Amino acid sequence: MPDAAQYRIESPDCVVDFFYAPRTCVFCDGAVHADPEVQQRDRAIREQLRQQGYEVIALNTERPLPEQIQGYGAVFGKVG
């Protein structure tokens, strides 16, 4: 289970859908994230987070969840 939901990070100014301590940010991207302007903003924020030492995981709500989280066993546990 995440340590927090809708977790605010001050710099860069963003709200993470789910936060796992100490430094893992999970974003759940729905249809609004298909907009090119939103995608550009997302890329910039997520790159800043990575540069600050956060692990960033972006999940797409349009794709099956199990296939997206398989590579993140340390965060989500065993799939299946």
C-alpha atoms as a PDB file:
ATOM      1  CA  MET A   1       0.000   0.000   0.000  1.00  0.00           C
ATOM      2  CA  PRO A   2       1.231   3.523  -0.674  1.00  0.00           C
ATOM      3  CA  ASP A   3       2.331   5.744   2.177  1.00  0.00           C
ATOM      4  CA  ALA A   4       0.234   8.639   0.857  1.00  0.00           C
ATOM      5  CA  ALA A   5      -2.292   9.504  -1.833  1.00  0.00           C
ATOM      6  CA  GLN A   6      -2.522  12.891  -3.509  1.00  0.00           C
ATOM      7  CA  TYR A   7       0.889  13.736  -2.039  1.00  0.00           C
ATOM      8  CA  ARG A   8       2.085  17.298  -2.632  1.00  0.00           C
ATOM      9  CA  ILE A   9       5.707  17.941  -3.533  1.00  0.00           C
ATOM     10  CA  GLU A  10       6.776  21.577  -3.350  1.00  0.00           C
ATOM     11  CA  SER A  11       9.569  21.532  -5.914  1.00  0.00           C
ATOM     12  CA  PRO A  12       8.670  20.884  -8.596  1.00  0.00           C
ATOM     13  CA  ASP A  13       5.159  21.917  -7.653  1.00  0.00           C
ATOM     14  CA  CYS A  14       3.063  18.805  -8.258  1.00  0.00           C
ATOM     15  CA  VAL A  15       0.664  16.365  -6.683  1.00  0.00           C
ATOM     16  CA  VAL A  16       1.638  12.714  -6.917  1.00  0.00           C
ATOM     17  CA  ASP A  17      -1.256  10.260  -7.160  1.00  0.00           C
ATOM     18  CA  PHE A  18       0.501   7.774  -4.874  1.00  0.00           C
ATOM     19  CA  PHE A  19       3.710   8.160  -2.882  1.00  0.00           C
ATOM     20  CA  TYR A  20       5.842   5.341  -1.506  1.00  0.00           C
ATOM     21  CA  ALA A  21       8.482   6.359   1.024  1.00  0.00           C
ATOM     22  CA  PRO A  22      11.192   7.222   0.793  1.00  0.00           C
ATOM     23  CA  ARG A  23      11.169   8.584  -2.805  1.00  0.00           C
ATOM     24  CA  THR A  24       8.822   6.810  -5.232  1.00  0.00           C
ATOM     25  CA  CYS A  25       6.165   8.769  -7.096  1.00  0.00           C
ATOM     26  CA  VAL A  26       3.358   7.016  -8.960  1.00  0.00           C
ATOM     27  CA  PHE A  27       1.279   8.945 -11.464  1.00  0.00           C
ATOM     28  CA  CYS A  28      -1.963   7.527 -12.896  1.00  0.00           C
ATOM     29  CA  ASP A  29      -2.470   9.116 -16.292  1.00  0.00           C
ATOM     30  CA  GLY A  30      -5.993   9.194 -17.661  1.00  0.00           C
ATOM     31  CA  ALA A  31      -7.365  10.647 -20.891  1.00  0.00           C
ATOM     32  CA  VAL A  32      -6.437  14.253 -20.063  1.00  0.00           C
ATOM     33  CA  HIS A  33      -2.771  13.259 -20.228  1.00  0.00           C
ATOM     34  CA  ALA A  34      -3.109  12.590 -23.971  1.00  0.00           C
ATOM     35  CA  ASP A  35      -3.179  16.349 -24.592  1.00  0.00           C
ATOM     36  CA  PRO A  36       0.206  17.504 -25.991  1.00  0.00           C
ATOM     37  CA  GLU A  37       0.451  20.453 -23.576  1.00  0.00           C
ATOM     38  CA  VAL A  38      -0.256  18.209 -20.599  1.00  0.00           C
ATOM     39  CA  GLN A  39       2.281  15.673 -21.866  1.00  0.00           C
ATOM     40  CA  GLN A  40       4.927  18.383 -22.126  1.00  0.00           C
ATOM     41  CA  ARG A  41       4.228  19.567 -18.572  1.00  0.00           C
ATOM     42  CA  ASP A  42       4.243  15.967 -17.303  1.00  0.00           C
ATOM     43  CA  ARG A  43       7.624  15.269 -18.925  1.00  0.00           C
ATOM     44  CA  ALA A  44       9.171  18.401 -17.411  1.00  0.00           C
ATOM     45  CA  ILE A  45       7.880  17.717 -13.898  1.00  0.00           C
ATOM     46  CA  ARG A  46       8.838  14.058 -13.977  1.00  0.00           C
ATOM     47  CA  GLU A  47      12.327  14.815 -15.243  1.00  0.00           C
ATOM     48  CA  GLN A  48      12.808  17.323 -12.418  1.00  0.00           C
ATOM     49  CA  LEU A  49      11.676  14.698  -9.924  1.00  0.00           C
ATOM     50  CA  ARG A  50      14.155  12.167 -11.351  1.00  0.00           C
ATOM     51  CA  GLN A  51      16.949  14.730 -11.159  1.00  0.00           C
ATOM     52  CA  GLN A  52      16.111  15.177  -7.475  1.00  0.00           C
ATOM     53  CA  GLY A  53      16.457  11.456  -6.856  1.00  0.00           C
ATOM     54  CA  TYR A  54      12.836  10.321  -7.016  1.00  0.00           C
ATOM     55  CA  GLU A  55      11.812   7.140  -8.774  1.00  0.00           C
ATOM     56  CA  VAL A  56       8.947   8.048 -11.105  1.00  0.00           C
ATOM     57  CA  ILE A  57       6.381   5.518 -12.279  1.00  0.00           C
ATOM     58  CA  ALA A  58       3.680   6.582 -14.742  1.00  0.00           C
ATOM     59  CA  LEU A  59       0.731   4.269 -15.207  1.00  0.00           C
ATOM     60  CA  ASN A  60      -1.754   4.710 -18.034  1.00  0.00           C
ATOM     61  CA  THR A  61      -5.371   4.075 -17.048  1.00  0.00           C
ATOM     62  CA  GLU A  62      -6.136   2.926 -20.605  1.00  0.00           C
ATOM     63  CA  ARG A  63      -3.766  -0.086 -20.382  1.00  0.00           C
ATOM     64  CA  PRO A  64      -4.080  -3.213 -18.227  1.00  0.00           C
ATOM     65  CA  LEU A  65      -2.504  -2.548 -14.841  1.00  0.00           C
ATOM     66  CA  PRO A  66      -0.767  -5.929 -14.325  1.00  0.00           C
ATOM     67  CA  GLU A  67       1.412  -5.532 -17.420  1.00  0.00           C
ATOM     68  CA  GLN A  68       2.450  -2.033 -16.359  1.00  0.00           C
ATOM     69  CA  ILE A  69       3.526  -2.875 -12.816  1.00  0.00           C
ATOM     70  CA  GLN A  70       5.410  -6.124 -13.488  1.00  0.00           C
ATOM     71  CA  GLY A  71       8.788  -4.416 -13.534  1.00  0.00           C
ATOM     72  CA  TYR A  72       8.212  -2.747 -10.163  1.00  0.00           C
ATOM     73  CA  GLY A  73       8.049  -5.648  -7.719  1.00  0.00           C
ATOM     74  CA  ALA A  74      10.019  -3.702  -5.104  1.00  0.00           C
ATOM     75  CA  VAL A  75       7.224  -1.119  -5.049  1.00  0.00           C
ATOM     76  CA  PHE A  76       4.029  -3.072  -5.752  1.00  0.00           C
ATOM     77  CA  GLY A  77       4.967  -6.587  -4.676  1.00  0.00           C
ATOM     78  CA  LYS A  78       4.438  -9.734  -6.679  1.00  0.00           C
ATOM     79  CA  VAL A  79       1.952  -9.507  -9.550  1.00  0.00           C
ATOM     80  CA  GLY A  80      -0.528 -12.345  -9.962  1.00  0.00           C
END
